[in-house]
Amino acid sequence: MKAVQYPELQQLLDQGAQLVEVLPAEEYAEMHLPGAVNIPLKHLDEATTADLDRDQPVVVYCWDGL
């Protein structure tokens, strides 16, 4: 796992990476990055990630410090 800055994030998304926000659903509904799916951290497991494309990178984020 590594931190990704915005320019690299945009490049990853342009190449097909998937964006997953791990905050609770209420916070996701309030504000999230375009194209992000919500899988709250407490529910992150094999079943909740089954729809993710295993052949593409996955970028997981939360709003740390905001």
PDB file of N, CA and C in Angstrom:
ATOM      1  N   MET A   1       0.843  -1.161   0.000  1.00  0.00           N
ATOM      2  CA  MET A   1       0.000   0.000   0.000  1.00  0.00           C
ATOM      3  C   MET A   1       0.899   1.237   0.000  1.00  0.00           C
ATOM      4  N   LYS A   2       0.455   2.266  -0.736  1.00  0.00           N
ATOM      5  CA  LYS A   2       1.232   3.507  -0.756  1.00  0.00           C
ATOM      6  C   LYS A   2       0.290   4.685  -0.925  1.00  0.00           C
ATOM      7  N   ALA A   3       0.746   5.827  -0.482  1.00  0.00           N
ATOM      8  CA  ALA A   3      -0.027   7.061  -0.655  1.00  0.00           C
ATOM      9  C   ALA A   3       0.078   7.501  -2.108  1.00  0.00           C
ATOM     10  N   VAL A   4      -1.012   8.063  -2.624  1.00  0.00           N
ATOM     11  CA  VAL A   4      -1.063   8.519  -4.003  1.00  0.00           C
ATOM     12  C   VAL A   4      -1.486   9.978  -4.004  1.00  0.00           C
ATOM     13  N   GLN A   5      -0.733  10.813  -4.684  1.00  0.00           N
ATOM     14  CA  GLN A   5      -1.078  12.225  -4.820  1.00  0.00           C
ATOM     15  C   GLN A   5      -1.976  12.407  -6.043  1.00  0.00           C
ATOM     16  N   TYR A   6      -2.645  13.564  -6.118  1.00  0.00           N
ATOM     17  CA  TYR A   6      -3.645  13.785  -7.155  1.00  0.00           C
ATOM     18  C   TYR A   6      -3.173  13.510  -8.584  1.00  0.00           C
ATOM     19  N   PRO A   7      -2.023  14.012  -9.033  1.00  0.00           N
ATOM     20  CA  PRO A   7      -1.618  13.740 -10.426  1.00  0.00           C
ATOM     21  C   PRO A   7      -1.523  12.239 -10.733  1.00  0.00           C
ATOM     22  N   GLU A   8      -0.974  11.479  -9.791  1.00  0.00           N
ATOM     23  CA  GLU A   8      -0.872  10.035  -9.991  1.00  0.00           C
ATOM     24  C   GLU A   8      -2.254   9.394  -9.939  1.00  0.00           C
ATOM     25  N   LEU A   9      -3.119   9.877  -9.047  1.00  0.00           N
ATOM     26  CA  LEU A   9      -4.488   9.360  -8.961  1.00  0.00           C
ATOM     27  C   LEU A   9      -5.205   9.545 -10.289  1.00  0.00           C
ATOM     28  N   GLN A  10      -5.100  10.730 -10.861  1.00  0.00           N
ATOM     29  CA  GLN A  10      -5.774  10.991 -12.133  1.00  0.00           C
ATOM     30  C   GLN A  10      -5.251  10.055 -13.210  1.00  0.00           C
ATOM     31  N   GLN A  11      -3.949   9.830 -13.228  1.00  0.00           N
ATOM     32  CA  GLN A  11      -3.362   8.921 -14.206  1.00  0.00           C
ATOM     33  C   GLN A  11      -3.888   7.495 -14.002  1.00  0.00           C
ATOM     34  N   LEU A  12      -3.944   7.042 -12.750  1.00  0.00           N
ATOM     35  CA  LEU A  12      -4.462   5.707 -12.451  1.00  0.00           C
ATOM     36  C   LEU A  12      -5.919   5.571 -12.894  1.00  0.00           C
ATOM     37  N   LEU A  13      -6.731   6.586 -12.603  1.00  0.00           N
ATOM     38  CA  LEU A  13      -8.142   6.546 -13.000  1.00  0.00           C
ATOM     39  C   LEU A  13      -8.280   6.528 -14.516  1.00  0.00           C
ATOM     40  N   ASP A  14      -7.460   7.300 -15.200  1.00  0.00           N
ATOM     41  CA  ASP A  14      -7.476   7.318 -16.662  1.00  0.00           C
ATOM     42  C   ASP A  14      -7.125   5.945 -17.242  1.00  0.00           C
ATOM     43  N   GLN A  15      -6.361   5.174 -16.492  1.00  0.00           N
ATOM     44  CA  GLN A  15      -5.942   3.846 -16.941  1.00  0.00           C
ATOM     45  C   GLN A  15      -6.879   2.735 -16.453  1.00  0.00           C
ATOM     46  N   GLY A  16      -7.991   3.120 -15.798  1.00  0.00           N
ATOM     47  CA  GLY A  16      -8.984   2.126 -15.392  1.00  0.00           C
ATOM     48  C   GLY A  16      -9.012   1.742 -13.935  1.00  0.00           C
ATOM     49  N   ALA A  17      -8.250   2.429 -13.092  1.00  0.00           N
ATOM     50  CA  ALA A  17      -8.277   2.122 -11.661  1.00  0.00           C
ATOM     51  C   ALA A  17      -9.671   2.391 -11.095  1.00  0.00           C
ATOM     52  N   GLN A  18      -9.991   1.676 -10.039  1.00  0.00           N
ATOM     53  CA  GLN A  18     -11.274   1.812  -9.356  1.00  0.00           C
ATOM     54  C   GLN A  18     -11.072   2.597  -8.071  1.00  0.00           C
ATOM     55  N   LEU A  19     -12.026   3.426  -7.746  1.00  0.00           N
ATOM     56  CA  LEU A  19     -11.926   4.314  -6.592  1.00  0.00           C
ATOM     57  C   LEU A  19     -12.943   3.874  -5.541  1.00  0.00           C
ATOM     58  N   VAL A  20     -12.464   3.569  -4.337  1.00  0.00           N
ATOM     59  CA  VAL A  20     -13.321   3.089  -3.254  1.00  0.00           C
ATOM     60  C   VAL A  20     -13.151   3.998  -2.050  1.00  0.00           C
ATOM     61  N   GLU A  21     -14.261   4.591  -1.600  1.00  0.00           N
ATOM     62  CA  GLU A  21     -14.251   5.385  -0.367  1.00  0.00           C
ATOM     63  C   GLU A  21     -14.677   4.475   0.773  1.00  0.00           C
ATOM     64  N   VAL A  22     -13.925   4.499   1.872  1.00  0.00           N
ATOM     65  CA  VAL A  22     -14.190   3.586   2.982  1.00  0.00           C
ATOM     66  C   VAL A  22     -14.847   4.254   4.193  1.00  0.00           C
ATOM     67  N   LEU A  23     -15.318   5.473   4.028  1.00  0.00           N
ATOM     68  CA  LEU A  23     -16.033   6.148   5.115  1.00  0.00           C
ATOM     69  C   LEU A  23     -17.453   5.603   5.217  1.00  0.00           C
ATOM     70  N   PRO A  24     -18.129   5.843   6.337  1.00  0.00           N
ATOM     71  CA  PRO A  24     -19.520   5.393   6.480  1.00  0.00           C
ATOM     72  C   PRO A  24     -20.418   5.964   5.372  1.00  0.00           C
ATOM     73  N   ALA A  25     -21.493   5.258   5.078  1.00  0.00           N
ATOM     74  CA  ALA A  25     -22.402   5.628   3.988  1.00  0.00           C
ATOM     75  C   ALA A  25     -22.921   7.053   4.111  1.00  0.00           C
ATOM     76  N   GLU A  26     -23.163   7.528   5.330  1.00  0.00           N
ATOM     77  CA  GLU A  26     -23.682   8.878   5.526  1.00  0.00           C
ATOM     78  C   GLU A  26     -22.680   9.925   5.027  1.00  0.00           C
ATOM     79  N   GLU A  27     -21.415   9.691   5.303  1.00  0.00           N
ATOM     80  CA  GLU A  27     -20.376  10.627   4.855  1.00  0.00           C
ATOM     81  C   GLU A  27     -20.166  10.534   3.343  1.00  0.00           C
ATOM     82  N   TYR A  28     -20.269   9.332   2.806  1.00  0.00           N
ATOM     83  CA  TYR A  28     -20.169   9.153   1.352  1.00  0.00           C
ATOM     84  C   TYR A  28     -21.296   9.911   0.667  1.00  0.00           C
ATOM     85  N   ALA A  29     -22.506   9.808   1.208  1.00  0.00           N
ATOM     86  CA  ALA A  29     -23.661  10.490   0.616  1.00  0.00           C
ATOM     87  C   ALA A  29     -23.492  12.006   0.657  1.00  0.00           C
ATOM     88  N   GLU A  30     -22.826  12.496   1.691  1.00  0.00           N
ATOM     89  CA  GLU A  30     -22.620  13.939   1.846  1.00  0.00           C
ATOM     90  C   GLU A  30     -21.648  14.475   0.799  1.00  0.00           C
ATOM     91  N   MET A  31     -20.550  13.751   0.567  1.00  0.00           N
ATOM     92  CA  MET A  31     -19.551  14.202  -0.400  1.00  0.00           C
ATOM     93  C   MET A  31     -18.596  13.038  -0.706  1.00  0.00           C
ATOM     94  N   HIS A  32     -18.335  12.827  -1.981  1.00  0.00           N
ATOM     95  CA  HIS A  32     -17.349  11.830  -2.392  1.00  0.00           C
ATOM     96  C   HIS A  32     -16.782  12.219  -3.745  1.00  0.00           C
ATOM     97  N   LEU A  33     -15.675  11.629  -4.073  1.00  0.00           N
ATOM     98  CA  LEU A  33     -15.046  11.909  -5.364  1.00  0.00           C
ATOM     99  C   LEU A  33     -15.881  11.291  -6.484  1.00  0.00           C
ATOM    100  N   PRO A  34     -15.962  11.959  -7.627  1.00  0.00           N
ATOM    101  CA  PRO A  34     -16.736  11.423  -8.748  1.00  0.00           C
ATOM    102  C   PRO A  34     -16.249  10.023  -9.150  1.00  0.00           C
ATOM    103  N   GLY A  35     -17.194   9.126  -9.330  1.00  0.00           N
ATOM    104  CA  GLY A  35     -16.875   7.768  -9.748  1.00  0.00           C
ATOM    105  C   GLY A  35     -16.535   6.814  -8.621  1.00  0.00           C
ATOM    106  N   ALA A  36     -16.436   7.323  -7.409  1.00  0.00           N
ATOM    107  CA  ALA A  36     -16.091   6.466  -6.275  1.00  0.00           C
ATOM    108  C   ALA A  36     -17.282   5.607  -5.864  1.00  0.00           C
ATOM    109  N   VAL A  37     -16.988   4.401  -5.435  1.00  0.00           N
ATOM    110  CA  VAL A  37     -18.001   3.543  -4.822  1.00  0.00           C
ATOM    111  C   VAL A  37     -17.739   3.541  -3.328  1.00  0.00           C
ATOM    112  N   ASN A  38     -18.767   3.269  -2.569  1.00  0.00           N
ATOM    113  CA  ASN A  38     -18.645   3.279  -1.117  1.00  0.00           C
ATOM    114  C   ASN A  38     -18.679   1.861  -0.571  1.00  0.00           C
ATOM    115  N   ILE A  39     -17.608   1.507   0.126  1.00  0.00           N
ATOM    116  CA  ILE A  39     -17.555   0.265   0.897  1.00  0.00           C
ATOM    117  C   ILE A  39     -16.986   0.656   2.249  1.00  0.00           C
ATOM    118  N   PRO A  40     -17.861   0.896   3.232  1.00  0.00           N
ATOM    119  CA  PRO A  40     -17.373   1.319   4.543  1.00  0.00           C
ATOM    120  C   PRO A  40     -16.320   0.347   5.092  1.00  0.00           C
ATOM    121  N   LEU A  41     -15.297   0.898   5.694  1.00  0.00           N
ATOM    122  CA  LEU A  41     -14.168   0.111   6.182  1.00  0.00           C
ATOM    123  C   LEU A  41     -14.618  -1.065   7.046  1.00  0.00           C
ATOM    124  N   LYS A  42     -15.599  -0.853   7.893  1.00  0.00           N
ATOM    125  CA  LYS A  42     -16.071  -1.924   8.780  1.00  0.00           C
ATOM    126  C   LYS A  42     -16.736  -3.058   8.006  1.00  0.00           C
ATOM    127  N   HIS A  43     -17.057  -2.823   6.735  1.00  0.00           N
ATOM    128  CA  HIS A  43     -17.715  -3.839   5.908  1.00  0.00           C
ATOM    129  C   HIS A  43     -16.828  -4.323   4.766  1.00  0.00           C
ATOM    130  N   LEU A  44     -15.597  -3.889   4.746  1.00  0.00           N
ATOM    131  CA  LEU A  44     -14.671  -4.236   3.675  1.00  0.00           C
ATOM    132  C   LEU A  44     -14.230  -5.692   3.827  1.00  0.00           C
ATOM    133  N   ASP A  45     -14.698  -6.537   2.926  1.00  0.00           N
ATOM    134  CA  ASP A  45     -14.330  -7.951   2.948  1.00  0.00           C
ATOM    135  C   ASP A  45     -14.499  -8.538   1.555  1.00  0.00           C
ATOM    136  N   GLU A  46     -14.316  -9.828   1.431  1.00  0.00           N
ATOM    137  CA  GLU A  46     -14.380 -10.477   0.125  1.00  0.00           C
ATOM    138  C   GLU A  46     -15.741 -10.306  -0.541  1.00  0.00           C
ATOM    139  N   ALA A  47     -16.803 -10.377   0.234  1.00  0.00           N
ATOM    140  CA  ALA A  47     -18.153 -10.253  -0.329  1.00  0.00           C
ATOM    141  C   ALA A  47     -18.434  -8.839  -0.833  1.00  0.00           C
ATOM    142  N   THR A  48     -18.050  -7.819  -0.066  1.00  0.00           N
ATOM    143  CA  THR A  48     -18.358  -6.444  -0.458  1.00  0.00           C
ATOM    144  C   THR A  48     -17.468  -5.940  -1.586  1.00  0.00           C
ATOM    145  N   THR A  49     -16.372  -6.619  -1.819  1.00  0.00           N
ATOM    146  CA  THR A  49     -15.480  -6.216  -2.919  1.00  0.00           C
ATOM    147  C   THR A  49     -15.616  -7.126  -4.141  1.00  0.00           C
ATOM    148  N   ALA A  50     -16.583  -8.013  -4.126  1.00  0.00           N
ATOM    149  CA  ALA A  50     -16.744  -8.988  -5.206  1.00  0.00           C
ATOM    150  C   ALA A  50     -16.973  -8.340  -6.565  1.00  0.00           C
ATOM    151  N   ASP A  51     -17.598  -7.159  -6.601  1.00  0.00           N
ATOM    152  CA  ASP A  51     -17.880  -6.494  -7.870  1.00  0.00           C
ATOM    153  C   ASP A  51     -16.687  -5.713  -8.433  1.00  0.00           C
ATOM    154  N   LEU A  52     -15.618  -5.586  -7.662  1.00  0.00           N
ATOM    155  CA  LEU A  52     -14.437  -4.884  -8.160  1.00  0.00           C
ATOM    156  C   LEU A  52     -13.713  -5.755  -9.179  1.00  0.00           C
ATOM    157  N   ASP A  53     -13.161  -5.125 -10.193  1.00  0.00           N
ATOM    158  CA  ASP A  53     -12.412  -5.825 -11.237  1.00  0.00           C
ATOM    159  C   ASP A  53     -11.030  -6.175 -10.697  1.00  0.00           C
ATOM    160  N   ARG A  54     -10.771  -7.439 -10.514  1.00  0.00           N
ATOM    161  CA  ARG A  54      -9.499  -7.906  -9.942  1.00  0.00           C
ATOM    162  C   ARG A  54      -8.308  -7.642 -10.861  1.00  0.00           C
ATOM    163  N   ASP A  55      -8.582  -7.306 -12.118  1.00  0.00           N
ATOM    164  CA  ASP A  55      -7.502  -7.047 -13.066  1.00  0.00           C
ATOM    165  C   ASP A  55      -7.098  -5.577 -13.119  1.00  0.00           C
ATOM    166  N   GLN A  56      -7.789  -4.733 -12.370  1.00  0.00           N
ATOM    167  CA  GLN A  56      -7.503  -3.295 -12.360  1.00  0.00           C
ATOM    168  C   GLN A  56      -7.086  -2.866 -10.953  1.00  0.00           C
ATOM    169  N   PRO A  57      -6.236  -1.844 -10.864  1.00  0.00           N
ATOM    170  CA  PRO A  57      -5.862  -1.329  -9.541  1.00  0.00           C
ATOM    171  C   PRO A  57      -7.077  -0.777  -8.793  1.00  0.00           C
ATOM    172  N   VAL A  58      -6.997  -0.814  -7.488  1.00  0.00           N
ATOM    173  CA  VAL A  58      -8.034  -0.256  -6.624  1.00  0.00           C
ATOM    174  C   VAL A  58      -7.380   0.798  -5.744  1.00  0.00           C
ATOM    175  N   VAL A  59      -7.946   2.003  -5.756  1.00  0.00           N
ATOM    176  CA  VAL A  59      -7.479   3.090  -4.907  1.00  0.00           C
ATOM    177  C   VAL A  59      -8.517   3.271  -3.808  1.00  0.00           C
ATOM    178  N   VAL A  60      -8.089   3.104  -2.558  1.00  0.00           N
ATOM    179  CA  VAL A  60      -8.980   3.232  -1.403  1.00  0.00           C
ATOM    180  C   VAL A  60      -8.646   4.533  -0.708  1.00  0.00           C
ATOM    181  N   TYR A  61      -9.702   5.301  -0.349  1.00  0.00           N
ATOM    182  CA  TYR A  61      -9.432   6.573   0.311  1.00  0.00           C
ATOM    183  C   TYR A  61     -10.472   6.889   1.377  1.00  0.00           C
ATOM    184  N   CYS A  62     -10.090   7.817   2.248  1.00  0.00           N
ATOM    185  CA  CYS A  62     -10.991   8.437   3.222  1.00  0.00           C
ATOM    186  C   CYS A  62     -10.533   9.896   3.367  1.00  0.00           C
ATOM    187  N   TRP A  63     -11.255  10.662   4.103  1.00  0.00           N
ATOM    188  CA  TRP A  63     -10.949  12.093   4.250  1.00  0.00           C
ATOM    189  C   TRP A  63     -10.152  12.354   5.501  1.00  0.00           C
ATOM    190  N   ASP A  64      -9.035  11.738   5.664  1.00  0.00           N
ATOM    191  CA  ASP A  64      -8.181  11.939   6.821  1.00  0.00           C
ATOM    192  C   ASP A  64      -7.778  13.392   6.961  1.00  0.00           C
ATOM    193  N   GLY A  65      -8.080  13.963   8.105  1.00  0.00           N
ATOM    194  CA  GLY A  65      -7.647  15.319   8.397  1.00  0.00           C
ATOM    195  C   GLY A  65      -8.616  16.402   7.933  1.00  0.00           C
ATOM    196  N   LEU A  66      -9.706  16.043   7.287  1.00  0.00           N
ATOM    197  CA  LEU A  66     -10.663  17.063   6.853  1.00  0.00           C
ATOM    198  C   LEU A  66     -11.805  17.178   7.821  1.00  0.00           C
TER     199      LEU A  66
END
